[in-house]
Amino acid sequence: MMPDADGNTLLHLMALGKVKEKEFDFIKFAVLKYKLRLTRNKDNRTPLNIIKSFGAQAYGLKGQPKFKRKVWEWFEMHLE
């Protein structure tokens, strides 16, 4: 759960679409259990900033319909 070399946490990777939908529940569990907070990566972006940057694109990451919307709604409900 430590940030990688670019400062990205599990939450950043989820926002970037680099996790599979089946990993989503694990990440939700980890965030709630360990009380993870939004942090900024080396580009000074939070996971929510990353998701917002995709705003003009159609929803869906890596062929997973509505995954980005699902992630966004969960972030808003639990982390802000």
PDB file of N, CA and C in Angstrom:
ATOM      1  N   MET A   1       0.809  -1.197   0.000  1.00  0.00           N
ATOM      2  CA  MET A   1       0.000   0.000   0.000  1.00  0.00           C
ATOM      3  C   MET A   1       0.854   1.262   0.000  1.00  0.00           C
ATOM      4  N   MET A   2       2.139   1.094  -0.120  1.00  0.00           N
ATOM      5  CA  MET A   2       3.033   2.244  -0.195  1.00  0.00           C
ATOM      6  C   MET A   2       3.024   2.804  -1.614  1.00  0.00           C
ATOM      7  N   PRO A   3       3.265   4.094  -1.756  1.00  0.00           N
ATOM      8  CA  PRO A   3       3.319   4.689  -3.096  1.00  0.00           C
ATOM      9  C   PRO A   3       4.474   4.104  -3.918  1.00  0.00           C
ATOM     10  N   ASP A   4       4.289   4.058  -5.223  1.00  0.00           N
ATOM     11  CA  ASP A   4       5.360   3.604  -6.098  1.00  0.00           C
ATOM     12  C   ASP A   4       6.339   4.757  -6.355  1.00  0.00           C
ATOM     13  N   ALA A   5       7.280   4.551  -7.258  1.00  0.00           N
ATOM     14  CA  ALA A   5       8.310   5.563  -7.532  1.00  0.00           C
ATOM     15  C   ALA A   5       7.725   6.875  -8.036  1.00  0.00           C
ATOM     16  N   ASP A   6       6.526   6.825  -8.627  1.00  0.00           N
ATOM     17  CA  ASP A   6       5.874   8.035  -9.126  1.00  0.00           C
ATOM     18  C   ASP A   6       4.913   8.648  -8.107  1.00  0.00           C
ATOM     19  N   GLY A   7       4.866   8.059  -6.914  1.00  0.00           N
ATOM     20  CA  GLY A   7       3.973   8.575  -5.876  1.00  0.00           C
ATOM     21  C   GLY A   7       2.547   8.076  -5.996  1.00  0.00           C
ATOM     22  N   ASN A   8       2.308   7.113  -6.886  1.00  0.00           N
ATOM     23  CA  ASN A   8       0.960   6.576  -7.079  1.00  0.00           C
ATOM     24  C   ASN A   8       0.651   5.502  -6.041  1.00  0.00           C
ATOM     25  N   THR A   9      -0.517   5.619  -5.428  1.00  0.00           N
ATOM     26  CA  THR A   9      -0.998   4.628  -4.476  1.00  0.00           C
ATOM     27  C   THR A   9      -1.977   3.707  -5.188  1.00  0.00           C
ATOM     28  N   LEU A  10      -2.539   2.759  -4.438  1.00  0.00           N
ATOM     29  CA  LEU A  10      -3.581   1.898  -5.004  1.00  0.00           C
ATOM     30  C   LEU A  10      -4.719   2.727  -5.591  1.00  0.00           C
ATOM     31  N   LEU A  11      -5.034   3.829  -4.930  1.00  0.00           N
ATOM     32  CA  LEU A  11      -6.138   4.667  -5.388  1.00  0.00           C
ATOM     33  C   LEU A  11      -5.810   5.339  -6.720  1.00  0.00           C
ATOM     34  N   HIS A  12      -4.563   5.783  -6.885  1.00  0.00           N
ATOM     35  CA  HIS A  12      -4.163   6.372  -8.163  1.00  0.00           C
ATOM     36  C   HIS A  12      -4.243   5.323  -9.270  1.00  0.00           C
ATOM     37  N   LEU A  13      -3.743   4.124  -8.987  1.00  0.00           N
ATOM     38  CA  LEU A  13      -3.762   3.069  -9.996  1.00  0.00           C
ATOM     39  C   LEU A  13      -5.195   2.701 -10.376  1.00  0.00           C
ATOM     40  N   MET A  14      -6.079   2.707  -9.393  1.00  0.00           N
ATOM     41  CA  MET A  14      -7.478   2.422  -9.682  1.00  0.00           C
ATOM     42  C   MET A  14      -8.057   3.523 -10.574  1.00  0.00           C
ATOM     43  N   ALA A  15      -7.755   4.761 -10.275  1.00  0.00           N
ATOM     44  CA  ALA A  15      -8.262   5.884 -11.064  1.00  0.00           C
ATOM     45  C   ALA A  15      -7.695   5.873 -12.480  1.00  0.00           C
ATOM     46  N   LEU A  16      -6.466   5.392 -12.634  1.00  0.00           N
ATOM     47  CA  LEU A  16      -5.840   5.313 -13.954  1.00  0.00           C
ATOM     48  C   LEU A  16      -6.334   4.113 -14.765  1.00  0.00           C
ATOM     49  N   GLY A  17      -7.133   3.260 -14.152  1.00  0.00           N
ATOM     50  CA  GLY A  17      -7.653   2.091 -14.851  1.00  0.00           C
ATOM     51  C   GLY A  17      -6.662   0.951 -14.931  1.00  0.00           C
ATOM     52  N   LYS A  18      -5.714   0.934 -14.018  1.00  0.00           N
ATOM     53  CA  LYS A  18      -4.686  -0.102 -14.047  1.00  0.00           C
ATOM     54  C   LYS A  18      -4.999  -1.269 -13.123  1.00  0.00           C
ATOM     55  N   VAL A  19      -6.214  -1.327 -12.631  1.00  0.00           N
ATOM     56  CA  VAL A  19      -6.647  -2.478 -11.836  1.00  0.00           C
ATOM     57  C   VAL A  19      -7.844  -3.094 -12.543  1.00  0.00           C
ATOM     58  N   LYS A  20      -8.039  -4.356 -12.285  1.00  0.00           N
ATOM     59  CA  LYS A  20      -9.177  -5.057 -12.869  1.00  0.00           C
ATOM     60  C   LYS A  20     -10.392  -4.844 -11.991  1.00  0.00           C
ATOM     61  N   GLU A  21     -11.558  -4.961 -12.590  1.00  0.00           N
ATOM     62  CA  GLU A  21     -12.776  -4.737 -11.819  1.00  0.00           C
ATOM     63  C   GLU A  21     -12.865  -5.696 -10.640  1.00  0.00           C
ATOM     64  N   LYS A  22     -12.353  -6.921 -10.791  1.00  0.00           N
ATOM     65  CA  LYS A  22     -12.413  -7.876  -9.681  1.00  0.00           C
ATOM     66  C   LYS A  22     -11.517  -7.461  -8.519  1.00  0.00           C
ATOM     67  N   GLU A  23     -10.542  -6.568  -8.748  1.00  0.00           N
ATOM     68  CA  GLU A  23      -9.684  -6.061  -7.679  1.00  0.00           C
ATOM     69  C   GLU A  23     -10.310  -4.865  -6.955  1.00  0.00           C
ATOM     70  N   PHE A  24     -11.357  -4.331  -7.523  1.00  0.00           N
ATOM     71  CA  PHE A  24     -12.022  -3.147  -6.977  1.00  0.00           C
ATOM     72  C   PHE A  24     -12.476  -3.370  -5.535  1.00  0.00           C
ATOM     73  N   ASP A  25     -13.111  -4.511  -5.254  1.00  0.00           N
ATOM     74  CA  ASP A  25     -13.608  -4.775  -3.898  1.00  0.00           C
ATOM     75  C   ASP A  25     -12.468  -4.883  -2.893  1.00  0.00           C
ATOM     76  N   PHE A  26     -11.335  -5.468  -3.299  1.00  0.00           N
ATOM     77  CA  PHE A  26     -10.177  -5.542  -2.408  1.00  0.00           C
ATOM     78  C   PHE A  26      -9.685  -4.145  -2.047  1.00  0.00           C
ATOM     79  N   ILE A  27      -9.613  -3.280  -3.043  1.00  0.00           N
ATOM     80  CA  ILE A  27      -9.137  -1.923  -2.795  1.00  0.00           C
ATOM     81  C   ILE A  27     -10.103  -1.175  -1.886  1.00  0.00           C
ATOM     82  N   LYS A  28     -11.391  -1.327  -2.117  1.00  0.00           N
ATOM     83  CA  LYS A  28     -12.382  -0.690  -1.231  1.00  0.00           C
ATOM     84  C   LYS A  28     -12.174  -1.163   0.208  1.00  0.00           C
ATOM     85  N   PHE A  29     -11.992  -2.476   0.372  1.00  0.00           N
ATOM     86  CA  PHE A  29     -11.776  -3.032   1.708  1.00  0.00           C
ATOM     87  C   PHE A  29     -10.524  -2.431   2.350  1.00  0.00           C
ATOM     88  N   ALA A  30      -9.439  -2.368   1.602  1.00  0.00           N
ATOM     89  CA  ALA A  30      -8.174  -1.839   2.126  1.00  0.00           C
ATOM     90  C   ALA A  30      -8.312  -0.368   2.514  1.00  0.00           C
ATOM     91  N   VAL A  31      -8.995   0.411   1.694  1.00  0.00           N
ATOM     92  CA  VAL A  31      -9.175   1.834   1.979  1.00  0.00           C
ATOM     93  C   VAL A  31      -9.946   2.024   3.278  1.00  0.00           C
ATOM     94  N   LEU A  32     -10.999   1.262   3.451  1.00  0.00           N
ATOM     95  CA  LEU A  32     -11.800   1.407   4.666  1.00  0.00           C
ATOM     96  C   LEU A  32     -11.078   0.858   5.894  1.00  0.00           C
ATOM     97  N   LYS A  33     -10.460  -0.297   5.758  1.00  0.00           N
ATOM     98  CA  LYS A  33      -9.795  -0.918   6.904  1.00  0.00           C
ATOM     99  C   LYS A  33      -8.598  -0.097   7.383  1.00  0.00           C
ATOM    100  N   TYR A  34      -7.788   0.385   6.456  1.00  0.00           N
ATOM    101  CA  TYR A  34      -6.563   1.094   6.824  1.00  0.00           C
ATOM    102  C   TYR A  34      -6.716   2.611   6.755  1.00  0.00           C
ATOM    103  N   LYS A  35      -7.932   3.066   6.506  1.00  0.00           N
ATOM    104  CA  LYS A  35      -8.255   4.498   6.475  1.00  0.00           C
ATOM    105  C   LYS A  35      -7.313   5.277   5.561  1.00  0.00           C
ATOM    106  N   LEU A  36      -7.136   4.752   4.349  1.00  0.00           N
ATOM    107  CA  LEU A  36      -6.289   5.432   3.376  1.00  0.00           C
ATOM    108  C   LEU A  36      -6.922   6.757   2.988  1.00  0.00           C
ATOM    109  N   ARG A  37      -6.101   7.722   2.721  1.00  0.00           N
ATOM    110  CA  ARG A  37      -6.559   9.056   2.351  1.00  0.00           C
ATOM    111  C   ARG A  37      -6.059   9.404   0.963  1.00  0.00           C
ATOM    112  N   LEU A  38      -6.703  10.370   0.360  1.00  0.00           N
ATOM    113  CA  LEU A  38      -6.251  10.844  -0.941  1.00  0.00           C
ATOM    114  C   LEU A  38      -4.922  11.562  -0.766  1.00  0.00           C
ATOM    115  N   THR A  39      -3.979  11.197  -1.571  1.00  0.00           N
ATOM    116  CA  THR A  39      -2.678  11.854  -1.561  1.00  0.00           C
ATOM    117  C   THR A  39      -2.365  12.296  -2.978  1.00  0.00           C
ATOM    118  N   ARG A  40      -1.352  13.115  -3.112  1.00  0.00           N
ATOM    119  CA  ARG A  40      -0.935  13.585  -4.430  1.00  0.00           C
ATOM    120  C   ARG A  40       0.301  12.816  -4.876  1.00  0.00           C
ATOM    121  N   ASN A  41       0.327  12.510  -6.172  1.00  0.00           N
ATOM    122  CA  ASN A  41       1.501  11.834  -6.719  1.00  0.00           C
ATOM    123  C   ASN A  41       2.534  12.870  -7.144  1.00  0.00           C
ATOM    124  N   LYS A  42       3.596  12.427  -7.817  1.00  0.00           N
ATOM    125  CA  LYS A  42       4.658  13.364  -8.218  1.00  0.00           C
ATOM    126  C   LYS A  42       4.180  14.410  -9.211  1.00  0.00           C
ATOM    127  N   ASP A  43       3.071  14.137  -9.899  1.00  0.00           N
ATOM    128  CA  ASP A  43       2.482  15.120 -10.817  1.00  0.00           C
ATOM    129  C   ASP A  43       1.494  16.031 -10.104  1.00  0.00           C
ATOM    130  N   ASN A  44       1.442  15.935  -8.763  1.00  0.00           N
ATOM    131  CA  ASN A  44       0.567  16.748  -7.927  1.00  0.00           C
ATOM    132  C   ASN A  44      -0.916  16.475  -8.206  1.00  0.00           C
ATOM    133  N   ARG A  45      -1.231  15.213  -8.508  1.00  0.00           N
ATOM    134  CA  ARG A  45      -2.614  14.840  -8.821  1.00  0.00           C
ATOM    135  C   ARG A  45      -3.130  13.820  -7.814  1.00  0.00           C
ATOM    136  N   THR A  46      -4.367  14.027  -7.378  1.00  0.00           N
ATOM    137  CA  THR A  46      -5.036  13.036  -6.539  1.00  0.00           C
ATOM    138  C   THR A  46      -5.757  12.064  -7.465  1.00  0.00           C
ATOM    139  N   PRO A  47      -6.221  10.923  -6.944  1.00  0.00           N
ATOM    140  CA  PRO A  47      -7.005  10.018  -7.774  1.00  0.00           C
ATOM    141  C   PRO A  47      -8.245  10.690  -8.374  1.00  0.00           C
ATOM    142  N   LEU A  48      -8.885  11.571  -7.618  1.00  0.00           N
ATOM    143  CA  LEU A  48     -10.067  12.256  -8.157  1.00  0.00           C
ATOM    144  C   LEU A  48      -9.692  13.185  -9.304  1.00  0.00           C
ATOM    145  N   ASN A  49      -8.538  13.855  -9.212  1.00  0.00           N
ATOM    146  CA  ASN A  49      -8.082  14.697 -10.323  1.00  0.00           C
ATOM    147  C   ASN A  49      -7.891  13.861 -11.583  1.00  0.00           C
ATOM    148  N   ILE A  50      -7.359  12.669 -11.407  1.00  0.00           N
ATOM    149  CA  ILE A  50      -7.123  11.779 -12.550  1.00  0.00           C
ATOM    150  C   ILE A  50      -8.441  11.397 -13.197  1.00  0.00           C
ATOM    151  N   ILE A  51      -9.415  11.006 -12.400  1.00  0.00           N
ATOM    152  CA  ILE A  51     -10.711  10.617 -12.960  1.00  0.00           C
ATOM    153  C   ILE A  51     -11.372  11.811 -13.650  1.00  0.00           C
ATOM    154  N   LYS A  52     -11.298  12.988 -13.038  1.00  0.00           N
ATOM    155  CA  LYS A  52     -11.897  14.182 -13.655  1.00  0.00           C
ATOM    156  C   LYS A  52     -11.265  14.489 -15.001  1.00  0.00           C
ATOM    157  N   SER A  53      -9.979  14.186 -15.157  1.00  0.00           N
ATOM    158  CA  SER A  53      -9.293  14.485 -16.414  1.00  0.00           C
ATOM    159  C   SER A  53      -9.824  13.656 -17.574  1.00  0.00           C
ATOM    160  N   PHE A  54     -10.508  12.568 -17.278  1.00  0.00           N
ATOM    161  CA  PHE A  54     -11.107  11.738 -18.320  1.00  0.00           C
ATOM    162  C   PHE A  54     -12.517  12.200 -18.663  1.00  0.00           C
ATOM    163  N   GLY A  55     -12.954  13.319 -18.122  1.00  0.00           N
ATOM    164  CA  GLY A  55     -14.335  13.769 -18.231  1.00  0.00           C
ATOM    165  C   GLY A  55     -14.918  13.801 -19.627  1.00  0.00           C
ATOM    166  N   ALA A  56     -14.145  14.168 -20.627  1.00  0.00           N
ATOM    167  CA  ALA A  56     -14.678  14.276 -21.987  1.00  0.00           C
ATOM    168  C   ALA A  56     -14.755  12.928 -22.684  1.00  0.00           C
ATOM    169  N   GLN A  57     -14.153  11.921 -22.108  1.00  0.00           N
ATOM    170  CA  GLN A  57     -14.145  10.601 -22.734  1.00  0.00           C
ATOM    171  C   GLN A  57     -15.346   9.793 -22.256  1.00  0.00           C
ATOM    172  N   ALA A  58     -15.685   8.813 -23.021  1.00  0.00           N
ATOM    173  CA  ALA A  58     -16.788   7.931 -22.646  1.00  0.00           C
ATOM    174  C   ALA A  58     -16.415   7.147 -21.391  1.00  0.00           C
ATOM    175  N   TYR A  59     -17.404   6.833 -20.574  1.00  0.00           N
ATOM    176  CA  TYR A  59     -17.141   6.040 -19.379  1.00  0.00           C
ATOM    177  C   TYR A  59     -16.703   4.655 -19.783  1.00  0.00           C
ATOM    178  N   GLY A  60     -15.844   4.100 -18.997  1.00  0.00           N
ATOM    179  CA  GLY A  60     -15.353   2.748 -19.210  1.00  0.00           C
ATOM    180  C   GLY A  60     -13.848   2.735 -19.283  1.00  0.00           C
ATOM    181  N   LEU A  61     -13.249   1.859 -18.537  1.00  0.00           N
ATOM    182  CA  LEU A  61     -11.807   1.703 -18.549  1.00  0.00           C
ATOM    183  C   LEU A  61     -11.492   0.274 -18.951  1.00  0.00           C
ATOM    184  N   LYS A  62     -10.594   0.115 -19.892  1.00  0.00           N
ATOM    185  CA  LYS A  62     -10.144  -1.201 -20.321  1.00  0.00           C
ATOM    186  C   LYS A  62     -11.316  -2.117 -20.653  1.00  0.00           C
ATOM    187  N   GLY A  63     -12.325  -1.578 -21.309  1.00  0.00           N
ATOM    188  CA  GLY A  63     -13.455  -2.394 -21.734  1.00  0.00           C
ATOM    189  C   GLY A  63     -14.424  -2.758 -20.630  1.00  0.00           C
ATOM    190  N   GLN A  64     -14.295  -2.152 -19.489  1.00  0.00           N
ATOM    191  CA  GLN A  64     -15.183  -2.471 -18.381  1.00  0.00           C
ATOM    192  C   GLN A  64     -16.236  -1.381 -18.275  1.00  0.00           C
ATOM    193  N   PRO A  65     -17.437  -1.647 -18.743  1.00  0.00           N
ATOM    194  CA  PRO A  65     -18.464  -0.600 -18.777  1.00  0.00           C
ATOM    195  C   PRO A  65     -18.776  -0.014 -17.404  1.00  0.00           C
ATOM    196  N   LYS A  66     -18.811   1.286 -17.369  1.00  0.00           N
ATOM    197  CA  LYS A  66     -19.196   2.059 -16.184  1.00  0.00           C
ATOM    198  C   LYS A  66     -18.250   1.879 -15.008  1.00  0.00           C
ATOM    199  N   PHE A  67     -17.071   1.301 -15.224  1.00  0.00           N
ATOM    200  CA  PHE A  67     -16.127   1.109 -14.122  1.00  0.00           C
ATOM    201  C   PHE A  67     -15.654   2.447 -13.579  1.00  0.00           C
ATOM    202  N   LYS A  68     -15.335   3.389 -14.474  1.00  0.00           N
ATOM    203  CA  LYS A  68     -14.857   4.697 -14.024  1.00  0.00           C
ATOM    204  C   LYS A  68     -15.932   5.414 -13.214  1.00  0.00           C
ATOM    205  N   ARG A  69     -17.178   5.327 -13.640  1.00  0.00           N
ATOM    206  CA  ARG A  69     -18.275   5.951 -12.890  1.00  0.00           C
ATOM    207  C   ARG A  69     -18.396   5.307 -11.510  1.00  0.00           C
ATOM    208  N   LYS A  70     -18.286   3.988 -11.460  1.00  0.00           N
ATOM    209  CA  LYS A  70     -18.368   3.255 -10.202  1.00  0.00           C
ATOM    210  C   LYS A  70     -17.248   3.703  -9.255  1.00  0.00           C
ATOM    211  N   VAL A  71     -16.038   3.829  -9.775  1.00  0.00           N
ATOM    212  CA  VAL A  71     -14.897   4.273  -8.977  1.00  0.00           C
ATOM    213  C   VAL A  71     -15.129   5.693  -8.473  1.00  0.00           C
ATOM    214  N   TRP A  72     -15.535   6.570  -9.374  1.00  0.00           N
ATOM    215  CA  TRP A  72     -15.790   7.982  -9.003  1.00  0.00           C
ATOM    216  C   TRP A  72     -16.817   8.083  -7.885  1.00  0.00           C
ATOM    217  N   GLU A  73     -17.938   7.384  -8.032  1.00  0.00           N
ATOM    218  CA  GLU A  73     -18.997   7.458  -7.028  1.00  0.00           C
ATOM    219  C   GLU A  73     -18.502   6.939  -5.684  1.00  0.00           C
ATOM    220  N   TRP A  74     -17.698   5.892  -5.713  1.00  0.00           N
ATOM    221  CA  TRP A  74     -17.187   5.357  -4.463  1.00  0.00           C
ATOM    222  C   TRP A  74     -16.223   6.331  -3.805  1.00  0.00           C
ATOM    223  N   PHE A  75     -15.329   6.950  -4.599  1.00  0.00           N
ATOM    224  CA  PHE A  75     -14.403   7.948  -4.071  1.00  0.00           C
ATOM    225  C   PHE A  75     -15.178   9.077  -3.405  1.00  0.00           C
ATOM    226  N   GLU A  76     -16.175   9.591  -4.072  1.00  0.00           N
ATOM    227  CA  GLU A  76     -16.931  10.709  -3.522  1.00  0.00           C
ATOM    228  C   GLU A  76     -17.626  10.339  -2.214  1.00  0.00           C
ATOM    229  N   MET A  77     -18.129   9.124  -2.139  1.00  0.00           N
ATOM    230  CA  MET A  77     -18.857   8.691  -0.968  1.00  0.00           C
ATOM    231  C   MET A  77     -17.943   8.465   0.245  1.00  0.00           C
ATOM    232  N   HIS A  78     -16.728   7.977   0.021  1.00  0.00           N
ATOM    233  CA  HIS A  78     -15.895   7.560   1.136  1.00  0.00           C
ATOM    234  C   HIS A  78     -14.668   8.422   1.422  1.00  0.00           C
ATOM    235  N   LEU A  79     -14.226   9.221   0.472  1.00  0.00           N
ATOM    236  CA  LEU A  79     -12.940   9.869   0.682  1.00  0.00           C
ATOM    237  C   LEU A  79     -12.976  11.387   0.726  1.00  0.00           C
ATOM    238  N   GLU A  80     -14.022  12.014   0.358  1.00  0.00           N
ATOM    239  CA  GLU A  80     -14.021  13.485   0.385  1.00  0.00           C
ATOM    240  C   GLU A  80     -14.769  13.993   1.587  1.00  0.00           C
TER     241      GLU A  80
END
